[in-house]
Amino acid sequence: MNQQPPPPKEIFSMPNNLEIDDQVIYAIGALIVMWATAESLFWGLFNTFTAKEGTETSAVLWLSIKNTSSRIELIRNLAKQHVSDDLCKRINECARDFESVSRLRNIFCHAYYRGDPVSQRLATIMSSATSAKNGIIHETMTADADLVARIVKGIETIVPLKQRIAEVLDDVRASLSLPPLKWNE
């Protein structure tokens, strides 16, 4: 019997009465925490494929790979060695969707935040990103309702994605005759 985390009751709820810049900051924090939780589910897949009983081999390997995209690519390649084509396809779909949310998360984790000198409130966020097509792209975002909506859209993408990754992880473990992870411990 799979012991998956209970489904979320509501994808995301913003506290009432926050100023718009506080809404931006709150939403960025939620995006980052939810992204990190999804990454930890990928760690579960990686650990399933690489763990050696009585050692920390899996952790050493994971921590030696310095970026998430390389870790995810390694998981995709390991899956080809260990599980069915159907499970590989599902892992690839989760990885693809995680990559798009990772791009959004990276914008905010590697941005420069500028406050208004008079009000001392967050005014703009400046980020740089690379694009294979366009090289380096600079973006300046204003702390406004449109930015909050953009971040919340990312949150609304990652919450069901976490559930899908958890389901894939349980199915991978079952296919390898391993017990399901215990989410409630």
C-alpha atoms as a PDB file:
ATOM      1  CA  MET A   1       0.000   0.000   0.000  1.00  0.00           C
ATOM      2  CA  ASN A   2       1.467   3.346  -1.065  1.00  0.00           C
ATOM      3  CA  GLN A   3       1.714   5.958   1.661  1.00  0.00           C
ATOM      4  CA  GLN A   4       1.724   9.087  -0.445  1.00  0.00           C
ATOM      5  CA  PRO A   5       1.382  12.547   1.007  1.00  0.00           C
ATOM      6  CA  PRO A   6      -2.220  13.722   1.191  1.00  0.00           C
ATOM      7  CA  PRO A   7      -3.289  15.853  -1.764  1.00  0.00           C
ATOM      8  CA  PRO A   8      -3.255  19.597  -1.117  1.00  0.00           C
ATOM      9  CA  LYS A   9      -6.583  21.118  -0.143  1.00  0.00           C
ATOM     10  CA  GLU A  10      -5.734  24.422  -1.778  1.00  0.00           C
ATOM     11  CA  ILE A  11      -2.782  25.020  -4.030  1.00  0.00           C
ATOM     12  CA  PHE A  12      -1.733  28.366  -2.604  1.00  0.00           C
ATOM     13  CA  SER A  13      -3.243  30.939  -0.304  1.00  0.00           C
ATOM     14  CA  MET A  14      -1.877  34.439   0.151  1.00  0.00           C
ATOM     15  CA  PRO A  15      -2.339  35.947   3.623  1.00  0.00           C
ATOM     16  CA  ASN A  16      -4.827  38.805   3.699  1.00  0.00           C
ATOM     17  CA  ASN A  17      -3.886  42.479   3.854  1.00  0.00           C
ATOM     18  CA  LEU A  18      -0.304  42.221   2.563  1.00  0.00           C
ATOM     19  CA  GLU A  19       1.153  45.140   0.647  1.00  0.00           C
ATOM     20  CA  ILE A  20       1.975  44.189  -2.945  1.00  0.00           C
ATOM     21  CA  ASP A  21       5.724  43.994  -2.318  1.00  0.00           C
ATOM     22  CA  ASP A  22       5.105  41.705   0.655  1.00  0.00           C
ATOM     23  CA  GLN A  23       2.901  39.541  -1.585  1.00  0.00           C
ATOM     24  CA  VAL A  24       5.798  39.261  -4.054  1.00  0.00           C
ATOM     25  CA  ILE A  25       8.222  38.269  -1.301  1.00  0.00           C
ATOM     26  CA  TYR A  26       5.759  35.800   0.247  1.00  0.00           C
ATOM     27  CA  ALA A  27       5.056  34.179  -3.133  1.00  0.00           C
ATOM     28  CA  ILE A  28       8.780  33.927  -3.945  1.00  0.00           C
ATOM     29  CA  GLY A  29       9.361  32.216  -0.599  1.00  0.00           C
ATOM     30  CA  ALA A  30       6.543  29.744  -1.259  1.00  0.00           C
ATOM     31  CA  LEU A  31       7.861  29.027  -4.760  1.00  0.00           C
ATOM     32  CA  ILE A  32      11.359  28.334  -3.435  1.00  0.00           C
ATOM     33  CA  VAL A  33      10.165  26.041  -0.635  1.00  0.00           C
ATOM     34  CA  MET A  34       7.863  24.087  -2.946  1.00  0.00           C
ATOM     35  CA  TRP A  35      10.615  23.815  -5.568  1.00  0.00           C
ATOM     36  CA  ALA A  36      13.017  22.470  -2.924  1.00  0.00           C
ATOM     37  CA  THR A  37      10.450  19.875  -1.861  1.00  0.00           C
ATOM     38  CA  ALA A  38      10.084  18.733  -5.472  1.00  0.00           C
ATOM     39  CA  GLU A  39      13.862  18.523  -5.805  1.00  0.00           C
ATOM     40  CA  SER A  40      13.965  16.330  -2.692  1.00  0.00           C
ATOM     41  CA  LEU A  41      11.561  13.922  -4.421  1.00  0.00           C
ATOM     42  CA  PHE A  42      14.037  13.696  -7.304  1.00  0.00           C
ATOM     43  CA  TRP A  43      16.671  12.968  -4.642  1.00  0.00           C
ATOM     44  CA  GLY A  44      14.423  10.067  -3.616  1.00  0.00           C
ATOM     45  CA  LEU A  45      14.585   8.727  -7.178  1.00  0.00           C
ATOM     46  CA  PHE A  46      18.343   9.208  -7.302  1.00  0.00           C
ATOM     47  CA  ASN A  47      18.757   7.468  -3.954  1.00  0.00           C
ATOM     48  CA  THR A  48      16.552   4.594  -5.134  1.00  0.00           C
ATOM     49  CA  PHE A  49      18.840   4.048  -8.123  1.00  0.00           C
ATOM     50  CA  THR A  50      22.205   4.530  -6.363  1.00  0.00           C
ATOM     51  CA  ALA A  51      21.912   3.632  -2.668  1.00  0.00           C
ATOM     52  CA  LYS A  52      24.332   1.093  -1.244  1.00  0.00           C
ATOM     53  CA  GLU A  53      23.171  -0.339   2.076  1.00  0.00           C
ATOM     54  CA  GLY A  54      25.263   0.811   5.010  1.00  0.00           C
ATOM     55  CA  THR A  55      26.963   3.625   3.082  1.00  0.00           C
ATOM     56  CA  GLU A  56      26.382   7.256   2.211  1.00  0.00           C
ATOM     57  CA  THR A  57      27.371   6.649  -1.429  1.00  0.00           C
ATOM     58  CA  SER A  58      24.145   8.092  -2.795  1.00  0.00           C
ATOM     59  CA  ALA A  59      24.453  11.288  -0.731  1.00  0.00           C
ATOM     60  CA  VAL A  60      28.106  11.731  -1.716  1.00  0.00           C
ATOM     61  CA  LEU A  61      27.214  11.399  -5.398  1.00  0.00           C
ATOM     62  CA  TRP A  62      24.219  13.755  -5.133  1.00  0.00           C
ATOM     63  CA  LEU A  63      26.175  16.432  -3.288  1.00  0.00           C
ATOM     64  CA  SER A  64      29.111  16.135  -5.692  1.00  0.00           C
ATOM     65  CA  ILE A  65      26.927  17.166  -8.614  1.00  0.00           C
ATOM     66  CA  LYS A  66      26.762  20.931  -8.308  1.00  0.00           C
ATOM     67  CA  ASN A  67      23.623  21.816 -10.236  1.00  0.00           C
ATOM     68  CA  THR A  68      20.094  20.539 -10.371  1.00  0.00           C
ATOM     69  CA  SER A  69      19.868  20.119 -14.140  1.00  0.00           C
ATOM     70  CA  SER A  70      22.869  17.767 -14.108  1.00  0.00           C
ATOM     71  CA  ARG A  71      21.336  15.792 -11.248  1.00  0.00           C
ATOM     72  CA  ILE A  72      18.042  15.457 -13.098  1.00  0.00           C
ATOM     73  CA  GLU A  73      19.829  14.398 -16.292  1.00  0.00           C
ATOM     74  CA  LEU A  74      21.684  11.708 -14.341  1.00  0.00           C
ATOM     75  CA  ILE A  75      18.371  10.471 -12.890  1.00  0.00           C
ATOM     76  CA  ARG A  76      16.948  10.250 -16.417  1.00  0.00           C
ATOM     77  CA  ASN A  77      19.947   8.212 -17.545  1.00  0.00           C
ATOM     78  CA  LEU A  78      19.864   5.961 -14.471  1.00  0.00           C
ATOM     79  CA  ALA A  79      16.170   5.311 -15.056  1.00  0.00           C
ATOM     80  CA  LYS A  80      16.989   3.889 -18.498  1.00  0.00           C
ATOM     81  CA  GLN A  81      19.128   1.278 -16.745  1.00  0.00           C
ATOM     82  CA  HIS A  82      16.661   0.330 -14.023  1.00  0.00           C
ATOM     83  CA  VAL A  83      13.012   0.748 -15.017  1.00  0.00           C
ATOM     84  CA  SER A  84      10.521   0.240 -17.832  1.00  0.00           C
ATOM     85  CA  ASP A  85      10.106   2.582 -20.770  1.00  0.00           C
ATOM     86  CA  ASP A  86       6.779   3.718 -19.310  1.00  0.00           C
ATOM     87  CA  LEU A  87       8.395   4.758 -16.018  1.00  0.00           C
ATOM     88  CA  CYS A  88      11.237   6.444 -17.934  1.00  0.00           C
ATOM     89  CA  LYS A  89       8.647   8.409 -19.901  1.00  0.00           C
ATOM     90  CA  ARG A  90       6.917   9.521 -16.694  1.00  0.00           C
ATOM     91  CA  ILE A  91      10.247  10.523 -15.123  1.00  0.00           C
ATOM     92  CA  ASN A  92      11.108  12.498 -18.268  1.00  0.00           C
ATOM     93  CA  GLU A  93       7.746  14.289 -18.168  1.00  0.00           C
ATOM     94  CA  CYS A  94       8.264  15.235 -14.521  1.00  0.00           C
ATOM     95  CA  ALA A  95      11.811  16.385 -15.281  1.00  0.00           C
ATOM     96  CA  ARG A  96      10.614  18.529 -18.201  1.00  0.00           C
ATOM     97  CA  ASP A  97       7.949  20.208 -16.080  1.00  0.00           C
ATOM     98  CA  PHE A  98      10.384  20.679 -13.194  1.00  0.00           C
ATOM     99  CA  GLU A  99      12.834  22.359 -15.573  1.00  0.00           C
ATOM    100  CA  SER A 100      10.298  25.039 -16.492  1.00  0.00           C
ATOM    101  CA  VAL A 101       9.562  25.790 -12.823  1.00  0.00           C
ATOM    102  CA  SER A 102      13.310  25.755 -12.104  1.00  0.00           C
ATOM    103  CA  ARG A 103      13.815  28.545 -14.638  1.00  0.00           C
ATOM    104  CA  LEU A 104      11.273  30.676 -12.781  1.00  0.00           C
ATOM    105  CA  ARG A 105      12.781  29.833  -9.392  1.00  0.00           C
ATOM    106  CA  ASN A 106      16.267  30.668 -10.677  1.00  0.00           C
ATOM    107  CA  ILE A 107      15.114  34.116 -11.763  1.00  0.00           C
ATOM    108  CA  PHE A 108      14.219  34.977  -8.176  1.00  0.00           C
ATOM    109  CA  CYS A 109      17.044  33.139  -6.429  1.00  0.00           C
ATOM    110  CA  HIS A 110      19.696  34.893  -8.503  1.00  0.00           C
ATOM    111  CA  ALA A 111      18.122  38.332  -8.801  1.00  0.00           C
ATOM    112  CA  TYR A 112      19.044  41.732  -7.428  1.00  0.00           C
ATOM    113  CA  TYR A 113      16.300  43.267  -5.306  1.00  0.00           C
ATOM    114  CA  ARG A 114      16.065  47.062  -5.200  1.00  0.00           C
ATOM    115  CA  GLY A 115      14.006  48.965  -2.689  1.00  0.00           C
ATOM    116  CA  ASP A 116      12.439  52.353  -3.115  1.00  0.00           C
ATOM    117  CA  PRO A 117      14.776  54.811  -1.345  1.00  0.00           C
ATOM    118  CA  VAL A 118      11.889  56.808   0.121  1.00  0.00           C
ATOM    119  CA  SER A 119       9.450  54.114   1.254  1.00  0.00           C
ATOM    120  CA  GLN A 120      12.093  51.422   1.864  1.00  0.00           C
ATOM    121  CA  ARG A 121       9.714  48.949   0.193  1.00  0.00           C
ATOM    122  CA  LEU A 122      10.622  46.495  -2.554  1.00  0.00           C
ATOM    123  CA  ALA A 123      10.324  48.304  -5.862  1.00  0.00           C
ATOM    124  CA  THR A 124      12.050  46.277  -8.575  1.00  0.00           C
ATOM    125  CA  ILE A 125      13.704  42.935  -9.150  1.00  0.00           C
ATOM    126  CA  MET A 126      16.467  42.693 -11.722  1.00  0.00           C
ATOM    127  CA  SER A 127      17.583  39.366 -13.091  1.00  0.00           C
ATOM    128  CA  SER A 128      19.810  37.991 -15.781  1.00  0.00           C
ATOM    129  CA  ALA A 129      19.370  34.664 -17.493  1.00  0.00           C
ATOM    130  CA  THR A 130      20.871  32.874 -20.434  1.00  0.00           C
ATOM    131  CA  SER A 131      19.031  31.692 -23.486  1.00  0.00           C
ATOM    132  CA  ALA A 132      20.482  29.419 -26.155  1.00  0.00           C
ATOM    133  CA  LYS A 133      18.662  31.527 -28.729  1.00  0.00           C
ATOM    134  CA  ASN A 134      19.215  35.040 -27.348  1.00  0.00           C
ATOM    135  CA  GLY A 135      22.341  34.866 -25.170  1.00  0.00           C
ATOM    136  CA  ILE A 136      22.121  36.823 -21.937  1.00  0.00           C
ATOM    137  CA  ILE A 137      18.734  38.323 -21.209  1.00  0.00           C
ATOM    138  CA  HIS A 138      18.255  41.015 -18.579  1.00  0.00           C
ATOM    139  CA  GLU A 139      14.833  41.531 -17.076  1.00  0.00           C
ATOM    140  CA  THR A 140      13.597  44.209 -14.708  1.00  0.00           C
ATOM    141  CA  MET A 141      10.341  43.399 -12.948  1.00  0.00           C
ATOM    142  CA  THR A 142       8.179  45.758 -10.945  1.00  0.00           C
ATOM    143  CA  ALA A 143       6.693  44.526  -7.679  1.00  0.00           C
ATOM    144  CA  ASP A 144       3.081  44.507  -8.823  1.00  0.00           C
ATOM    145  CA  ALA A 145       0.026  42.272  -9.149  1.00  0.00           C
ATOM    146  CA  ASP A 146       1.209  40.901 -12.516  1.00  0.00           C
ATOM    147  CA  LEU A 147       4.447  39.710 -10.932  1.00  0.00           C
ATOM    148  CA  VAL A 148       2.532  38.079  -8.072  1.00  0.00           C
ATOM    149  CA  ALA A 149       0.328  36.306 -10.645  1.00  0.00           C
ATOM    150  CA  ARG A 150       3.412  35.087 -12.539  1.00  0.00           C
ATOM    151  CA  ILE A 151       4.919  33.607  -9.369  1.00  0.00           C
ATOM    152  CA  VAL A 152       1.615  32.084  -8.235  1.00  0.00           C
ATOM    153  CA  LYS A 153       1.279  30.421 -11.654  1.00  0.00           C
ATOM    154  CA  GLY A 154       4.632  28.731 -10.996  1.00  0.00           C
ATOM    155  CA  ILE A 155       3.414  27.622  -7.568  1.00  0.00           C
ATOM    156  CA  GLU A 156       0.224  26.246  -9.095  1.00  0.00           C
ATOM    157  CA  THR A 157       2.381  24.251 -11.517  1.00  0.00           C
ATOM    158  CA  ILE A 158       4.742  22.803  -8.942  1.00  0.00           C
ATOM    159  CA  VAL A 159       2.205  21.637  -6.354  1.00  0.00           C
ATOM    160  CA  PRO A 160       0.585  18.972  -8.588  1.00  0.00           C
ATOM    161  CA  LEU A 161       4.024  18.221 -10.050  1.00  0.00           C
ATOM    162  CA  LYS A 162       5.252  17.264  -6.578  1.00  0.00           C
ATOM    163  CA  GLN A 163       2.380  14.777  -6.339  1.00  0.00           C
ATOM    164  CA  ARG A 164       3.257  13.314  -9.758  1.00  0.00           C
ATOM    165  CA  ILE A 165       6.931  12.934  -8.810  1.00  0.00           C
ATOM    166  CA  ALA A 166       5.899  11.238  -5.540  1.00  0.00           C
ATOM    167  CA  GLU A 167       3.693   8.809  -7.476  1.00  0.00           C
ATOM    168  CA  VAL A 168       6.496   8.034  -9.937  1.00  0.00           C
ATOM    169  CA  LEU A 169       8.898   7.504  -7.043  1.00  0.00           C
ATOM    170  CA  ASP A 170       6.522   5.017  -5.408  1.00  0.00           C
ATOM    171  CA  ASP A 171       5.997   3.215  -8.726  1.00  0.00           C
ATOM    172  CA  VAL A 172       9.757   3.047  -9.378  1.00  0.00           C
ATOM    173  CA  ARG A 173      10.351   1.607  -5.921  1.00  0.00           C
ATOM    174  CA  ALA A 174       7.564  -0.956  -6.435  1.00  0.00           C
ATOM    175  CA  SER A 175       9.007  -1.966  -9.822  1.00  0.00           C
ATOM    176  CA  LEU A 176      12.356  -2.595  -8.115  1.00  0.00           C
ATOM    177  CA  SER A 177      10.683  -4.568  -5.289  1.00  0.00           C
ATOM    178  CA  LEU A 178      11.572  -1.879  -2.748  1.00  0.00           C
ATOM    179  CA  PRO A 179       9.169  -0.752  -0.028  1.00  0.00           C
ATOM    180  CA  PRO A 180       7.451   2.600  -0.489  1.00  0.00           C
ATOM    181  CA  LEU A 181       8.888   5.558   1.332  1.00  0.00           C
ATOM    182  CA  LYS A 182       7.066   6.480   4.507  1.00  0.00           C
ATOM    183  CA  TRP A 183       5.888  10.056   4.093  1.00  0.00           C
ATOM    184  CA  ASN A 184       4.417  10.448   7.543  1.00  0.00           C
ATOM    185  CA  GLU A 185       7.560   9.709   9.561  1.00  0.00           C
END
